[in-house]
């Protein structure tokens, strides 16, 4: 199951938004560590 499928099954907007924010945060943190 992909992340998008999981989000569709959950269909809970606050949780979906929180998940997207978490993914963005992790991505930015990873990129920052790679640059430093």
PDB file of N, CA and C in Angstrom:
ATOM      1  N   UNK A   1       0.852  -1.212   0.000  1.00  0.00           N
ATOM      2  CA  UNK A   1       0.000   0.000   0.000  1.00  0.00           C
ATOM      3  C   UNK A   1       0.875   1.245   0.000  1.00  0.00           C
ATOM      4  N   UNK A   2       0.554   2.166  -0.904  1.00  0.00           N
ATOM      5  CA  UNK A   2       1.324   3.407  -0.962  1.00  0.00           C
ATOM      6  C   UNK A   2       0.810   4.389   0.074  1.00  0.00           C
ATOM      7  N   UNK A   3       1.578   5.439   0.299  1.00  0.00           N
ATOM      8  CA  UNK A   3       1.172   6.455   1.277  1.00  0.00           C
ATOM      9  C   UNK A   3      -0.139   7.102   0.838  1.00  0.00           C
ATOM     10  N   UNK A   4      -0.269   7.387  -0.453  1.00  0.00           N
ATOM     11  CA  UNK A   4      -1.494   8.025  -0.947  1.00  0.00           C
ATOM     12  C   UNK A   4      -2.702   7.129  -0.721  1.00  0.00           C
ATOM     13  N   UNK A   5      -2.542   5.823  -0.933  1.00  0.00           N
ATOM     14  CA  UNK A   5      -3.646   4.896  -0.703  1.00  0.00           C
ATOM     15  C   UNK A   5      -4.025   4.875   0.763  1.00  0.00           C
ATOM     16  N   UNK A   6      -3.006   4.884   1.636  1.00  0.00           N
ATOM     17  CA  UNK A   6      -3.261   4.878   3.074  1.00  0.00           C
ATOM     18  C   UNK A   6      -4.025   6.136   3.472  1.00  0.00           C
ATOM     19  N   UNK A   7      -3.614   7.278   2.916  1.00  0.00           N
ATOM     20  CA  UNK A   7      -4.295   8.534   3.239  1.00  0.00           C
ATOM     21  C   UNK A   7      -5.733   8.505   2.739  1.00  0.00           C
ATOM     22  N   UNK A   8      -5.948   7.916   1.584  1.00  0.00           N
ATOM     23  CA  UNK A   8      -7.299   7.842   1.032  1.00  0.00           C
ATOM     24  C   UNK A   8      -8.189   6.979   1.910  1.00  0.00           C
ATOM     25  N   UNK A   9      -7.630   5.881   2.419  1.00  0.00           N
ATOM     26  CA  UNK A   9      -8.394   4.982   3.285  1.00  0.00           C
ATOM     27  C   UNK A   9      -8.734   5.687   4.589  1.00  0.00           C
ATOM     28  N   UNK A  10      -7.771   6.398   5.137  1.00  0.00           N
ATOM     29  CA  UNK A  10      -8.001   7.112   6.397  1.00  0.00           C
ATOM     30  C   UNK A  10      -9.051   8.193   6.195  1.00  0.00           C
ATOM     31  N   UNK A  11      -8.895   8.969   5.111  1.00  0.00           N
ATOM     32  CA  UNK A  11      -9.850  10.027   4.771  1.00  0.00           C
ATOM     33  C   UNK A  11     -10.105  10.950   5.955  1.00  0.00           C
ATOM     34  N   UNK A  12      -9.046  11.246   6.692  1.00  0.00           N
ATOM     35  CA  UNK A  12      -9.166  12.129   7.854  1.00  0.00           C
ATOM     36  C   UNK A  12      -8.283  13.334   7.576  1.00  0.00           C
ATOM     37  N   UNK A  13      -8.896  14.444   7.188  1.00  0.00           N
ATOM     38  CA  UNK A  13      -8.126  15.598   6.721  1.00  0.00           C
ATOM     39  C   UNK A  13      -7.077  16.100   7.706  1.00  0.00           C
ATOM     40  N   UNK A  14      -7.398  16.292   8.980  1.00  0.00           N
ATOM     41  CA  UNK A  14      -6.373  16.763   9.925  1.00  0.00           C
ATOM     42  C   UNK A  14      -5.176  15.820   9.972  1.00  0.00           C
ATOM     43  N   UNK A  15      -5.445  14.525   9.945  1.00  0.00           N
ATOM     44  CA  UNK A  15      -4.364  13.541  10.003  1.00  0.00           C
ATOM     45  C   UNK A  15      -3.559  13.564   8.707  1.00  0.00           C
ATOM     46  N   UNK A  16      -4.257  13.715   7.593  1.00  0.00           N
ATOM     47  CA  UNK A  16      -3.581  13.781   6.294  1.00  0.00           C
ATOM     48  C   UNK A  16      -2.657  14.991   6.237  1.00  0.00           C
ATOM     49  N   UNK A  17      -3.171  16.143   6.680  1.00  0.00           N
ATOM     50  CA  UNK A  17      -2.357  17.360   6.666  1.00  0.00           C
ATOM     51  C   UNK A  17      -1.147  17.198   7.570  1.00  0.00           C
ATOM     52  N   UNK A  18      -1.349  16.597   8.732  1.00  0.00           N
ATOM     53  CA  UNK A  18      -0.240  16.384   9.664  1.00  0.00           C
ATOM     54  C   UNK A  18       0.805  15.472   9.029  1.00  0.00           C
ATOM     55  N   UNK A  19       0.348  14.459   8.304  1.00  0.00           N
ATOM     56  CA  UNK A  19       1.267  13.537   7.646  1.00  0.00           C
ATOM     57  C   UNK A  19       2.084  14.232   6.568  1.00  0.00           C
ATOM     58  N   UNK A  20       1.416  15.081   5.784  1.00  0.00           N
ATOM     59  CA  UNK A  20       2.123  15.809   4.732  1.00  0.00           C
ATOM     60  C   UNK A  20       3.151  16.759   5.322  1.00  0.00           C
ATOM     61  N   UNK A  21       2.795  17.427   6.411  1.00  0.00           N
ATOM     62  CA  UNK A  21       3.724  18.341   7.078  1.00  0.00           C
ATOM     63  C   UNK A  21       4.918  17.561   7.605  1.00  0.00           C
ATOM     64  N   UNK A  22       4.665  16.377   8.165  1.00  0.00           N
ATOM     65  CA  UNK A  22       5.743  15.550   8.703  1.00  0.00           C
ATOM     66  C   UNK A  22       6.691  15.131   7.581  1.00  0.00           C
ATOM     67  N   UNK A  23       6.132  14.747   6.439  1.00  0.00           N
ATOM     68  CA  UNK A  23       6.954  14.335   5.294  1.00  0.00           C
ATOM     69  C   UNK A  23       7.807  15.500   4.813  1.00  0.00           C
ATOM     70  N   UNK A  24       7.196  16.679   4.716  1.00  0.00           N
ATOM     71  CA  UNK A  24       7.939  17.864   4.276  1.00  0.00           C
ATOM     72  C   UNK A  24       9.067  18.180   5.253  1.00  0.00           C
ATOM     73  N   UNK A  25       8.776  18.073   6.549  1.00  0.00           N
ATOM     74  CA  UNK A  25       9.782  18.381   7.566  1.00  0.00           C
ATOM     75  C   UNK A  25      10.962  17.416   7.463  1.00  0.00           C
ATOM     76  N   UNK A  26      10.657  16.131   7.331  1.00  0.00           N
ATOM     77  CA  UNK A  26      11.718  15.123   7.230  1.00  0.00           C
ATOM     78  C   UNK A  26      12.543  15.348   5.969  1.00  0.00           C
ATOM     79  N   UNK A  27      11.867  15.672   4.863  1.00  0.00           N
ATOM     80  CA  UNK A  27      12.571  15.908   3.600  1.00  0.00           C
ATOM     81  C   UNK A  27      13.513  17.097   3.720  1.00  0.00           C
ATOM     82  N   UNK A  28      13.022  18.191   4.290  1.00  0.00           N
ATOM     83  CA  UNK A  28      13.852  19.387   4.454  1.00  0.00           C
ATOM     84  C   UNK A  28      15.012  19.107   5.398  1.00  0.00           C
ATOM     85  N   UNK A  29      14.763  18.376   6.466  1.00  0.00           N
ATOM     86  CA  UNK A  29      15.813  18.059   7.431  1.00  0.00           C
ATOM     87  C   UNK A  29      16.892  17.213   6.760  1.00  0.00           C
ATOM     88  N   UNK A  30      16.467  16.254   5.931  1.00  0.00           N
ATOM     89  CA  UNK A  30      17.425  15.388   5.244  1.00  0.00           C
ATOM     90  C   UNK A  30      18.272  16.196   4.264  1.00  0.00           C
ATOM     91  N   UNK A  31      17.634  17.091   3.519  1.00  0.00           N
ATOM     92  CA  UNK A  31      18.367  17.918   2.560  1.00  0.00           C
ATOM     93  C   UNK A  31      19.350  18.832   3.282  1.00  0.00           C
ATOM     94  N   UNK A  32      18.935  19.381   4.412  1.00  0.00           N
ATOM     95  CA  UNK A  32      19.806  20.282   5.174  1.00  0.00           C
ATOM     96  C   UNK A  32      21.038  19.531   5.668  1.00  0.00           C
ATOM     97  N   UNK A  33      20.826  18.295   6.144  1.00  0.00           N
ATOM     98  CA  UNK A  33      21.956  17.505   6.639  1.00  0.00           C
ATOM     99  C   UNK A  33      22.906  17.160   5.504  1.00  0.00           C
ATOM    100  N   UNK A  34      22.354  16.908   4.323  1.00  0.00           N
ATOM    101  CA  UNK A  34      23.181  16.546   3.184  1.00  0.00           C
ATOM    102  C   UNK A  34      24.033  17.710   2.712  1.00  0.00           C
ATOM    103  N   UNK A  35      23.524  18.932   2.843  1.00  0.00           N
ATOM    104  CA  UNK A  35      24.257  20.111   2.379  1.00  0.00           C
ATOM    105  C   UNK A  35      25.354  20.515   3.347  1.00  0.00           C
ATOM    106  N   UNK A  36      25.122  20.334   4.638  1.00  0.00           N
ATOM    107  CA  UNK A  36      26.091  20.771   5.644  1.00  0.00           C
ATOM    108  C   UNK A  36      27.301  19.858   5.684  1.00  0.00           C
TER     109      UNK A  36
END
